[in-house]
Amino acid sequence: MSGFEQLFPGCLPRLVMFDLDGTLVDSVPDLAVAVDKMLLKLGRAPAGLDAVREWVGNGAPVLVRRALAGGIDHSMVDDAEADSALEIFMQAYADSHGLTVVYPGVRDTLKWLQKQGVEMALITNKPERFVAPLLDQMKIGRYFKWIIGGDTLPQKKPDPAALFFVMKMANIPASQSLFVGDSRSDVLAAKAAGVKCVALSYGYNHGRPIAEESPALVIDDLRKLIRGCLDPAAEITLADAVQPPSGNAIVVVTRKLWMKVIKALARWRWRA
């Protein structure tokens, strides 16, 4: 029995929302290159791949602060120093996508969902300016009708605002939606939105097993969502039921932000 069959008996979800880094693509090698370039320019020792792999998942500003702190706890980092370092990082990462790869099973799963008529969205904490070039390079952008970057809305994961926004745009309730991610932020956002969450064991979760966050299902290959691919012995722990807030509390954005999002959605909707 597949993951979809166990989580949505007798049907498929109408909407599947995906995280990007650590879920669909392994981008840590490129992020590590950019972080190390930033640190070297600041006269510091490079962090290296393993350290960066533990720091990613909460957006570029947090990644930069962790790099400056040399660890997860970045509370003592000076804000002005972090802002200056972030500019250096953003410039370095803009030219660093050559080492990023799509995880096995991702393209097969996206293609299968598209053929089944399932709507798909991408919700990532990666800055919006980097998302389109990366998806184009990976040749997977055409699968997503809605794409929300880390700075598209005022909030980013683990805040559930982006999930509520996409579900409202798709006019699909939480009960018929699924979120697929790899980190604690992804699981928390899904639970807060009342959406079942599937977590990938191979992703970035600050060095901790993602099963500790009790997502609805943990898998090591996206194809295990599809009939005939899931190990029958796989254990499923259903998340506690969470009632989503009232419709009035979904997402509050300014008119200017709405126009920005609408233009972005229109741009993605008519992609090749």
C-alpha atoms as a PDB file:
ATOM      1  CA  MET A   1       0.000   0.000   0.000  1.00  0.00           C
ATOM      2  CA  SER A   2       1.397   3.382  -0.991  1.00  0.00           C
ATOM      3  CA  GLY A   3       1.849   6.404   1.199  1.00  0.00           C
ATOM      4  CA  PHE A   4      -1.002   8.179  -0.556  1.00  0.00           C
ATOM      5  CA  GLU A   5      -3.309   5.191  -0.028  1.00  0.00           C
ATOM      6  CA  GLN A   6      -2.533   5.096   3.693  1.00  0.00           C
ATOM      7  CA  LEU A   7      -2.855   8.831   4.274  1.00  0.00           C
ATOM      8  CA  PHE A   8      -5.799   9.438   1.894  1.00  0.00           C
ATOM      9  CA  PRO A   9      -7.797   6.180   1.731  1.00  0.00           C
ATOM     10  CA  GLY A  10      -9.770   5.816  -1.468  1.00  0.00           C
ATOM     11  CA  CYS A  11      -8.465   8.997  -3.103  1.00  0.00           C
ATOM     12  CA  LEU A  12      -5.488  11.235  -3.738  1.00  0.00           C
ATOM     13  CA  PRO A  13      -4.875  14.627  -2.150  1.00  0.00           C
ATOM     14  CA  ARG A  14      -6.092  17.393  -4.417  1.00  0.00           C
ATOM     15  CA  LEU A  15      -3.137  19.629  -3.502  1.00  0.00           C
ATOM     16  CA  VAL A  16       0.449  18.673  -2.652  1.00  0.00           C
ATOM     17  CA  MET A  17       2.759  21.414  -1.385  1.00  0.00           C
ATOM     18  CA  PHE A  18       6.517  20.805  -1.398  1.00  0.00           C
ATOM     19  CA  ASP A  19       9.509  22.276   0.357  1.00  0.00           C
ATOM     20  CA  LEU A  20      12.536  22.725  -1.916  1.00  0.00           C
ATOM     21  CA  ASP A  21      15.972  22.425  -0.290  1.00  0.00           C
ATOM     22  CA  GLY A  22      16.493  19.030   1.312  1.00  0.00           C
ATOM     23  CA  THR A  23      13.212  17.764  -0.141  1.00  0.00           C
ATOM     24  CA  LEU A  24      13.408  18.112  -3.924  1.00  0.00           C
ATOM     25  CA  VAL A  25      17.011  19.216  -4.367  1.00  0.00           C
ATOM     26  CA  ASP A  26      20.295  18.875  -2.491  1.00  0.00           C
ATOM     27  CA  SER A  27      21.559  22.459  -2.542  1.00  0.00           C
ATOM     28  CA  VAL A  28      23.927  22.305   0.437  1.00  0.00           C
ATOM     29  CA  PRO A  29      27.120  22.017  -1.673  1.00  0.00           C
ATOM     30  CA  ASP A  30      26.353  25.338  -3.371  1.00  0.00           C
ATOM     31  CA  LEU A  31      25.194  26.964  -0.146  1.00  0.00           C
ATOM     32  CA  ALA A  32      28.422  25.854   1.526  1.00  0.00           C
ATOM     33  CA  VAL A  33      30.496  27.389  -1.260  1.00  0.00           C
ATOM     34  CA  ALA A  34      28.653  30.692  -0.855  1.00  0.00           C
ATOM     35  CA  VAL A  35      28.950  30.625   2.948  1.00  0.00           C
ATOM     36  CA  ASP A  36      32.677  29.931   2.774  1.00  0.00           C
ATOM     37  CA  LYS A  37      33.217  32.723   0.234  1.00  0.00           C
ATOM     38  CA  MET A  38      31.398  35.070   2.595  1.00  0.00           C
ATOM     39  CA  LEU A  39      33.437  33.987   5.615  1.00  0.00           C
ATOM     40  CA  LEU A  40      36.743  34.238   3.753  1.00  0.00           C
ATOM     41  CA  LYS A  41      35.861  37.728   2.558  1.00  0.00           C
ATOM     42  CA  LEU A  42      35.212  38.659   6.185  1.00  0.00           C
ATOM     43  CA  GLY A  43      38.603  37.286   7.195  1.00  0.00           C
ATOM     44  CA  ARG A  44      37.171  34.190   8.879  1.00  0.00           C
ATOM     45  CA  ALA A  45      37.865  30.493   8.479  1.00  0.00           C
ATOM     46  CA  PRO A  46      35.545  28.592   6.127  1.00  0.00           C
ATOM     47  CA  ALA A  47      32.771  26.537   7.717  1.00  0.00           C
ATOM     48  CA  GLY A  48      32.752  23.532   5.419  1.00  0.00           C
ATOM     49  CA  LEU A  49      30.044  21.317   3.997  1.00  0.00           C
ATOM     50  CA  ASP A  50      29.097  19.369   7.129  1.00  0.00           C
ATOM     51  CA  ALA A  51      28.561  22.464   9.265  1.00  0.00           C
ATOM     52  CA  VAL A  52      26.447  24.210   6.631  1.00  0.00           C
ATOM     53  CA  ARG A  53      24.332  21.072   6.239  1.00  0.00           C
ATOM     54  CA  GLU A  54      23.315  21.405   9.904  1.00  0.00           C
ATOM     55  CA  TRP A  55      22.600  25.130   9.655  1.00  0.00           C
ATOM     56  CA  VAL A  56      20.288  25.322   6.618  1.00  0.00           C
ATOM     57  CA  GLY A  57      16.490  25.239   6.662  1.00  0.00           C
ATOM     58  CA  ASN A  58      15.361  28.556   8.096  1.00  0.00           C
ATOM     59  CA  GLY A  59      16.204  30.956   5.268  1.00  0.00           C
ATOM     60  CA  ALA A  60      19.303  32.847   4.151  1.00  0.00           C
ATOM     61  CA  PRO A  61      19.373  35.436   6.987  1.00  0.00           C
ATOM     62  CA  VAL A  62      19.406  32.715   9.640  1.00  0.00           C
ATOM     63  CA  LEU A  63      21.989  30.668   7.733  1.00  0.00           C
ATOM     64  CA  VAL A  64      24.292  33.686   7.580  1.00  0.00           C
ATOM     65  CA  ARG A  65      23.871  34.404  11.284  1.00  0.00           C
ATOM     66  CA  ARG A  66      24.648  30.781  12.149  1.00  0.00           C
ATOM     67  CA  ALA A  67      27.753  30.919   9.982  1.00  0.00           C
ATOM     68  CA  LEU A  68      28.900  34.045  11.805  1.00  0.00           C
ATOM     69  CA  ALA A  69      28.184  32.396  15.156  1.00  0.00           C
ATOM     70  CA  GLY A  70      29.755  29.110  14.140  1.00  0.00           C
ATOM     71  CA  GLY A  71      26.729  27.168  15.369  1.00  0.00           C
ATOM     72  CA  ILE A  72      22.945  26.905  15.581  1.00  0.00           C
ATOM     73  CA  ASP A  73      22.631  29.521  18.343  1.00  0.00           C
ATOM     74  CA  HIS A  74      23.142  32.915  16.701  1.00  0.00           C
ATOM     75  CA  SER A  75      21.586  35.122  19.379  1.00  0.00           C
ATOM     76  CA  MET A  76      24.831  36.976  20.082  1.00  0.00           C
ATOM     77  CA  VAL A  77      25.520  37.963  16.457  1.00  0.00           C
ATOM     78  CA  ASP A  78      25.477  41.717  15.844  1.00  0.00           C
ATOM     79  CA  ASP A  79      22.586  42.734  13.570  1.00  0.00           C
ATOM     80  CA  ALA A  80      24.632  45.201  11.520  1.00  0.00           C
ATOM     81  CA  GLU A  81      27.348  42.608  10.978  1.00  0.00           C
ATOM     82  CA  ALA A  82      24.730  40.053   9.937  1.00  0.00           C
ATOM     83  CA  ASP A  83      23.144  42.453   7.428  1.00  0.00           C
ATOM     84  CA  SER A  84      26.522  43.203   5.855  1.00  0.00           C
ATOM     85  CA  ALA A  85      27.434  39.519   5.689  1.00  0.00           C
ATOM     86  CA  LEU A  86      24.050  38.677   4.148  1.00  0.00           C
ATOM     87  CA  GLU A  87      24.743  40.969   1.199  1.00  0.00           C
ATOM     88  CA  ILE A  88      28.051  39.202   0.588  1.00  0.00           C
ATOM     89  CA  PHE A  89      26.379  35.796   0.830  1.00  0.00           C
ATOM     90  CA  MET A  90      23.570  36.739  -1.565  1.00  0.00           C
ATOM     91  CA  GLN A  91      26.071  37.888  -4.169  1.00  0.00           C
ATOM     92  CA  ALA A  92      28.124  34.720  -3.766  1.00  0.00           C
ATOM     93  CA  TYR A  93      25.132  32.374  -3.917  1.00  0.00           C
ATOM     94  CA  ALA A  94      23.710  34.034  -7.022  1.00  0.00           C
ATOM     95  CA  ASP A  95      26.531  32.414  -9.007  1.00  0.00           C
ATOM     96  CA  SER A  96      26.609  29.105  -7.116  1.00  0.00           C
ATOM     97  CA  HIS A  97      24.107  26.580  -8.476  1.00  0.00           C
ATOM     98  CA  GLY A  98      26.405  24.233 -10.354  1.00  0.00           C
ATOM     99  CA  LEU A  99      26.617  21.635  -7.573  1.00  0.00           C
ATOM    100  CA  THR A 100      22.895  21.403  -6.776  1.00  0.00           C
ATOM    101  CA  VAL A 101      21.169  18.167  -7.844  1.00  0.00           C
ATOM    102  CA  VAL A 102      17.618  16.797  -7.858  1.00  0.00           C
ATOM    103  CA  TYR A 103      17.102  13.891  -5.471  1.00  0.00           C
ATOM    104  CA  PRO A 104      16.285  10.445  -6.935  1.00  0.00           C
ATOM    105  CA  GLY A 105      12.573   9.875  -7.471  1.00  0.00           C
ATOM    106  CA  VAL A 106      11.616  13.551  -7.507  1.00  0.00           C
ATOM    107  CA  ARG A 107      11.012  13.973 -11.232  1.00  0.00           C
ATOM    108  CA  ASP A 108       9.143  10.656 -11.460  1.00  0.00           C
ATOM    109  CA  THR A 109       6.853  11.654  -8.588  1.00  0.00           C
ATOM    110  CA  LEU A 110       6.150  15.157  -9.889  1.00  0.00           C
ATOM    111  CA  LYS A 111       5.381  13.804 -13.348  1.00  0.00           C
ATOM    112  CA  TRP A 112       3.052  11.153 -11.884  1.00  0.00           C
ATOM    113  CA  LEU A 113       1.159  13.709  -9.791  1.00  0.00           C
ATOM    114  CA  GLN A 114       0.771  15.968 -12.803  1.00  0.00           C
ATOM    115  CA  LYS A 115      -0.714  13.109 -14.820  1.00  0.00           C
ATOM    116  CA  GLN A 116      -3.199  12.441 -12.007  1.00  0.00           C
ATOM    117  CA  GLY A 117      -4.363  16.059 -12.111  1.00  0.00           C
ATOM    118  CA  VAL A 118      -3.088  16.860  -8.612  1.00  0.00           C
ATOM    119  CA  GLU A 119      -2.336  20.552  -8.063  1.00  0.00           C
ATOM    120  CA  MET A 120       1.200  21.273  -6.848  1.00  0.00           C
ATOM    121  CA  ALA A 121       2.836  24.184  -5.068  1.00  0.00           C
ATOM    122  CA  LEU A 122       6.322  24.991  -3.846  1.00  0.00           C
ATOM    123  CA  ILE A 123       6.809  26.663  -0.459  1.00  0.00           C
ATOM    124  CA  THR A 124      10.410  27.385   0.423  1.00  0.00           C
ATOM    125  CA  ASN A 125      12.337  29.634   2.797  1.00  0.00           C
ATOM    126  CA  LYS A 126      14.870  30.281   0.039  1.00  0.00           C
ATOM    127  CA  PRO A 127      14.830  33.940  -1.091  1.00  0.00           C
ATOM    128  CA  GLU A 128      12.490  34.370  -4.055  1.00  0.00           C
ATOM    129  CA  ARG A 129      15.198  35.741  -6.366  1.00  0.00           C
ATOM    130  CA  PHE A 130      17.014  32.377  -6.338  1.00  0.00           C
ATOM    131  CA  VAL A 131      14.013  30.096  -6.800  1.00  0.00           C
ATOM    132  CA  ALA A 132      13.179  30.643 -10.481  1.00  0.00           C
ATOM    133  CA  PRO A 133      16.758  30.241 -11.794  1.00  0.00           C
ATOM    134  CA  LEU A 134      17.264  27.103  -9.721  1.00  0.00           C
ATOM    135  CA  LEU A 135      13.995  25.490 -10.817  1.00  0.00           C
ATOM    136  CA  ASP A 136      14.772  26.326 -14.430  1.00  0.00           C
ATOM    137  CA  GLN A 137      18.205  24.756 -14.097  1.00  0.00           C
ATOM    138  CA  MET A 138      16.735  21.639 -12.474  1.00  0.00           C
ATOM    139  CA  LYS A 139      13.926  21.541 -15.091  1.00  0.00           C
ATOM    140  CA  ILE A 140      11.141  21.055 -12.532  1.00  0.00           C
ATOM    141  CA  GLY A 141       9.550  24.516 -12.406  1.00  0.00           C
ATOM    142  CA  ARG A 142       6.746  23.620 -14.817  1.00  0.00           C
ATOM    143  CA  TYR A 143       5.128  21.298 -12.290  1.00  0.00           C
ATOM    144  CA  PHE A 144       4.207  24.022  -9.800  1.00  0.00           C
ATOM    145  CA  LYS A 145       1.191  26.274 -10.167  1.00  0.00           C
ATOM    146  CA  TRP A 146       2.053  28.318  -7.060  1.00  0.00           C
ATOM    147  CA  ILE A 147       5.542  29.163  -5.826  1.00  0.00           C
ATOM    148  CA  ILE A 148       6.170  30.992  -2.562  1.00  0.00           C
ATOM    149  CA  GLY A 149       9.688  32.058  -1.600  1.00  0.00           C
ATOM    150  CA  GLY A 150      10.989  32.940   1.817  1.00  0.00           C
ATOM    151  CA  ASP A 151      10.382  36.646   1.227  1.00  0.00           C
ATOM    152  CA  THR A 152       7.216  36.451  -0.898  1.00  0.00           C
ATOM    153  CA  LEU A 153       5.052  36.858   2.212  1.00  0.00           C
ATOM    154  CA  PRO A 154       5.888  38.612   5.488  1.00  0.00           C
ATOM    155  CA  GLN A 155       6.074  35.213   7.231  1.00  0.00           C
ATOM    156  CA  LYS A 156       8.142  32.142   6.474  1.00  0.00           C
ATOM    157  CA  LYS A 157       8.017  28.561   7.775  1.00  0.00           C
ATOM    158  CA  PRO A 158       7.443  27.366  10.484  1.00  0.00           C
ATOM    159  CA  ASP A 159       4.689  29.973  10.285  1.00  0.00           C
ATOM    160  CA  PRO A 160       1.803  28.349   8.346  1.00  0.00           C
ATOM    161  CA  ALA A 161       0.877  31.542   6.451  1.00  0.00           C
ATOM    162  CA  ALA A 162       2.218  30.331   3.097  1.00  0.00           C
ATOM    163  CA  LEU A 163       0.307  27.057   3.360  1.00  0.00           C
ATOM    164  CA  PHE A 164      -2.927  28.896   4.170  1.00  0.00           C
ATOM    165  CA  PHE A 165      -2.275  31.300   1.292  1.00  0.00           C
ATOM    166  CA  VAL A 166      -1.790  28.516  -1.260  1.00  0.00           C
ATOM    167  CA  MET A 167      -4.817  26.555  -0.040  1.00  0.00           C
ATOM    168  CA  LYS A 168      -6.927  29.705  -0.319  1.00  0.00           C
ATOM    169  CA  MET A 169      -5.657  30.400  -3.848  1.00  0.00           C
ATOM    170  CA  ALA A 170      -6.320  26.771  -4.848  1.00  0.00           C
ATOM    171  CA  ASN A 171      -9.699  26.721  -3.035  1.00  0.00           C
ATOM    172  CA  ILE A 172      -8.736  23.349  -1.552  1.00  0.00           C
ATOM    173  CA  PRO A 173      -9.244  22.588   2.180  1.00  0.00           C
ATOM    174  CA  ALA A 174      -6.559  21.319   4.521  1.00  0.00           C
ATOM    175  CA  SER A 175      -8.265  17.912   4.677  1.00  0.00           C
ATOM    176  CA  GLN A 176      -7.523  17.401   0.971  1.00  0.00           C
ATOM    177  CA  SER A 177      -4.006  18.853   1.068  1.00  0.00           C
ATOM    178  CA  LEU A 178      -0.569  17.448   1.855  1.00  0.00           C
ATOM    179  CA  PHE A 179       2.760  19.063   2.680  1.00  0.00           C
ATOM    180  CA  VAL A 180       6.047  17.329   1.870  1.00  0.00           C
ATOM    181  CA  GLY A 181       9.216  18.541   3.570  1.00  0.00           C
ATOM    182  CA  ASP A 182      12.333  17.487   5.405  1.00  0.00           C
ATOM    183  CA  SER A 183      12.741  19.690   8.467  1.00  0.00           C
ATOM    184  CA  ARG A 184      11.184  20.599  11.790  1.00  0.00           C
ATOM    185  CA  SER A 185      10.016  23.900  10.287  1.00  0.00           C
ATOM    186  CA  ASP A 186       8.111  22.006   7.597  1.00  0.00           C
ATOM    187  CA  VAL A 187       6.395  19.685  10.065  1.00  0.00           C
ATOM    188  CA  LEU A 188       5.469  22.534  12.410  1.00  0.00           C
ATOM    189  CA  ALA A 189       4.049  24.611   9.537  1.00  0.00           C
ATOM    190  CA  ALA A 190       1.958  21.680   8.303  1.00  0.00           C
ATOM    191  CA  LYS A 191       0.608  20.867  11.768  1.00  0.00           C
ATOM    192  CA  ALA A 192      -0.249  24.512  12.388  1.00  0.00           C
ATOM    193  CA  ALA A 193      -2.166  24.558   9.098  1.00  0.00           C
ATOM    194  CA  GLY A 194      -4.008  21.313   9.890  1.00  0.00           C
ATOM    195  CA  VAL A 195      -2.333  19.577   6.941  1.00  0.00           C
ATOM    196  CA  LYS A 196      -0.838  16.079   6.956  1.00  0.00           C
ATOM    197  CA  CYS A 197       2.928  16.137   6.489  1.00  0.00           C
ATOM    198  CA  VAL A 198       5.217  13.631   4.800  1.00  0.00           C
ATOM    199  CA  ALA A 199       8.886  14.055   5.740  1.00  0.00           C
ATOM    200  CA  LEU A 200      11.968  12.903   3.839  1.00  0.00           C
ATOM    201  CA  SER A 201      14.623  11.230   5.974  1.00  0.00           C
ATOM    202  CA  TYR A 202      17.506  12.374   3.746  1.00  0.00           C
ATOM    203  CA  GLY A 203      16.980  16.125   4.178  1.00  0.00           C
ATOM    204  CA  TYR A 204      18.236  18.879   6.448  1.00  0.00           C
ATOM    205  CA  ASN A 205      17.011  18.873  10.035  1.00  0.00           C
ATOM    206  CA  HIS A 206      19.956  20.296  11.962  1.00  0.00           C
ATOM    207  CA  GLY A 207      21.414  16.848  12.499  1.00  0.00           C
ATOM    208  CA  ARG A 208      18.287  15.408  14.182  1.00  0.00           C
ATOM    209  CA  PRO A 209      16.121  12.525  12.851  1.00  0.00           C
ATOM    210  CA  ILE A 210      12.998  14.023  11.338  1.00  0.00           C
ATOM    211  CA  ALA A 211      10.897  11.223  12.876  1.00  0.00           C
ATOM    212  CA  GLU A 212      11.311  13.004  16.229  1.00  0.00           C
ATOM    213  CA  GLU A 213       8.885  15.661  14.956  1.00  0.00           C
ATOM    214  CA  SER A 214       6.128  13.058  14.403  1.00  0.00           C
ATOM    215  CA  PRO A 215       5.130  13.831  10.813  1.00  0.00           C
ATOM    216  CA  ALA A 216       2.335  11.721   9.364  1.00  0.00           C
ATOM    217  CA  LEU A 217       4.850   9.624   7.425  1.00  0.00           C
ATOM    218  CA  VAL A 218       8.626   9.401   7.025  1.00  0.00           C
ATOM    219  CA  ILE A 219      10.029   8.065   3.743  1.00  0.00           C
ATOM    220  CA  ASP A 220      13.427   7.961   2.077  1.00  0.00           C
ATOM    221  CA  ASP A 221      12.234   8.279  -1.532  1.00  0.00           C
ATOM    222  CA  LEU A 222       9.305  10.299  -2.903  1.00  0.00           C
ATOM    223  CA  ARG A 223       8.290   7.368  -5.088  1.00  0.00           C
ATOM    224  CA  LYS A 224       7.158   5.565  -1.940  1.00  0.00           C
ATOM    225  CA  LEU A 225       4.077   7.771  -2.031  1.00  0.00           C
ATOM    226  CA  ILE A 226       3.017   6.010  -5.205  1.00  0.00           C
ATOM    227  CA  ARG A 227       1.257   2.650  -5.315  1.00  0.00           C
ATOM    228  CA  GLY A 228       3.553  -0.360  -5.144  1.00  0.00           C
ATOM    229  CA  CYS A 229       6.634   1.498  -3.908  1.00  0.00           C
ATOM    230  CA  LEU A 230       6.129   1.825  -0.150  1.00  0.00           C
ATOM    231  CA  ASP A 231       7.575  -0.813   2.159  1.00  0.00           C
ATOM    232  CA  PRO A 232       4.574  -2.523   3.817  1.00  0.00           C
ATOM    233  CA  ALA A 233       6.470  -2.511   7.123  1.00  0.00           C
ATOM    234  CA  ALA A 234       6.822   1.274   7.190  1.00  0.00           C
ATOM    235  CA  GLU A 235       5.358   2.777  10.318  1.00  0.00           C
ATOM    236  CA  ILE A 236       3.017   5.735  10.173  1.00  0.00           C
ATOM    237  CA  THR A 237       2.398   8.097  13.043  1.00  0.00           C
ATOM    238  CA  LEU A 238      -0.508  10.394  12.348  1.00  0.00           C
ATOM    239  CA  ALA A 239      -0.050  13.937  13.566  1.00  0.00           C
ATOM    240  CA  ASP A 240      -2.404  15.264  16.202  1.00  0.00           C
ATOM    241  CA  ALA A 241      -5.482  16.835  14.646  1.00  0.00           C
ATOM    242  CA  VAL A 242      -5.164  20.595  14.466  1.00  0.00           C
ATOM    243  CA  GLN A 243      -8.102  22.844  13.727  1.00  0.00           C
ATOM    244  CA  PRO A 244      -7.103  25.633  11.370  1.00  0.00           C
ATOM    245  CA  PRO A 245      -7.964  29.164  12.426  1.00  0.00           C
ATOM    246  CA  SER A 246     -10.997  30.960  11.102  1.00  0.00           C
ATOM    247  CA  GLY A 247     -10.984  32.171   7.530  1.00  0.00           C
ATOM    248  CA  ASN A 248     -10.396  35.734   8.696  1.00  0.00           C
ATOM    249  CA  ALA A 249      -6.990  34.775  10.081  1.00  0.00           C
ATOM    250  CA  ILE A 250      -5.540  33.056   7.028  1.00  0.00           C
ATOM    251  CA  VAL A 251      -3.090  35.642   5.684  1.00  0.00           C
ATOM    252  CA  VAL A 252      -3.079  39.402   6.079  1.00  0.00           C
ATOM    253  CA  VAL A 253      -1.102  41.186   3.377  1.00  0.00           C
ATOM    254  CA  THR A 254      -1.021  44.702   2.034  1.00  0.00           C
ATOM    255  CA  ARG A 255      -2.368  45.646  -1.380  1.00  0.00           C
ATOM    256  CA  LYS A 256       1.204  46.153  -2.589  1.00  0.00           C
ATOM    257  CA  LEU A 257       2.166  42.657  -1.453  1.00  0.00           C
ATOM    258  CA  TRP A 258      -0.939  41.153  -3.058  1.00  0.00           C
ATOM    259  CA  MET A 259       0.053  42.704  -6.378  1.00  0.00           C
ATOM    260  CA  LYS A 260       3.580  41.305  -6.002  1.00  0.00           C
ATOM    261  CA  VAL A 261       2.266  37.817  -5.292  1.00  0.00           C
ATOM    262  CA  ILE A 262      -0.336  37.932  -8.066  1.00  0.00           C
ATOM    263  CA  LYS A 263       2.323  38.954 -10.591  1.00  0.00           C
ATOM    264  CA  ALA A 264       4.599  36.179  -9.383  1.00  0.00           C
ATOM    265  CA  LEU A 265       1.814  33.617  -9.637  1.00  0.00           C
ATOM    266  CA  ALA A 266       0.897  34.783 -13.111  1.00  0.00           C
ATOM    267  CA  ARG A 267       4.518  34.506 -14.166  1.00  0.00           C
ATOM    268  CA  TRP A 268       4.739  30.936 -12.878  1.00  0.00           C
ATOM    269  CA  ARG A 269       1.304  29.903 -14.149  1.00  0.00           C
ATOM    270  CA  TRP A 270       2.293  30.441 -17.762  1.00  0.00           C
ATOM    271  CA  ARG A 271       5.764  28.963 -17.572  1.00  0.00           C
ATOM    272  CA  ALA A 272       6.731  26.348 -20.124  1.00  0.00           C
END
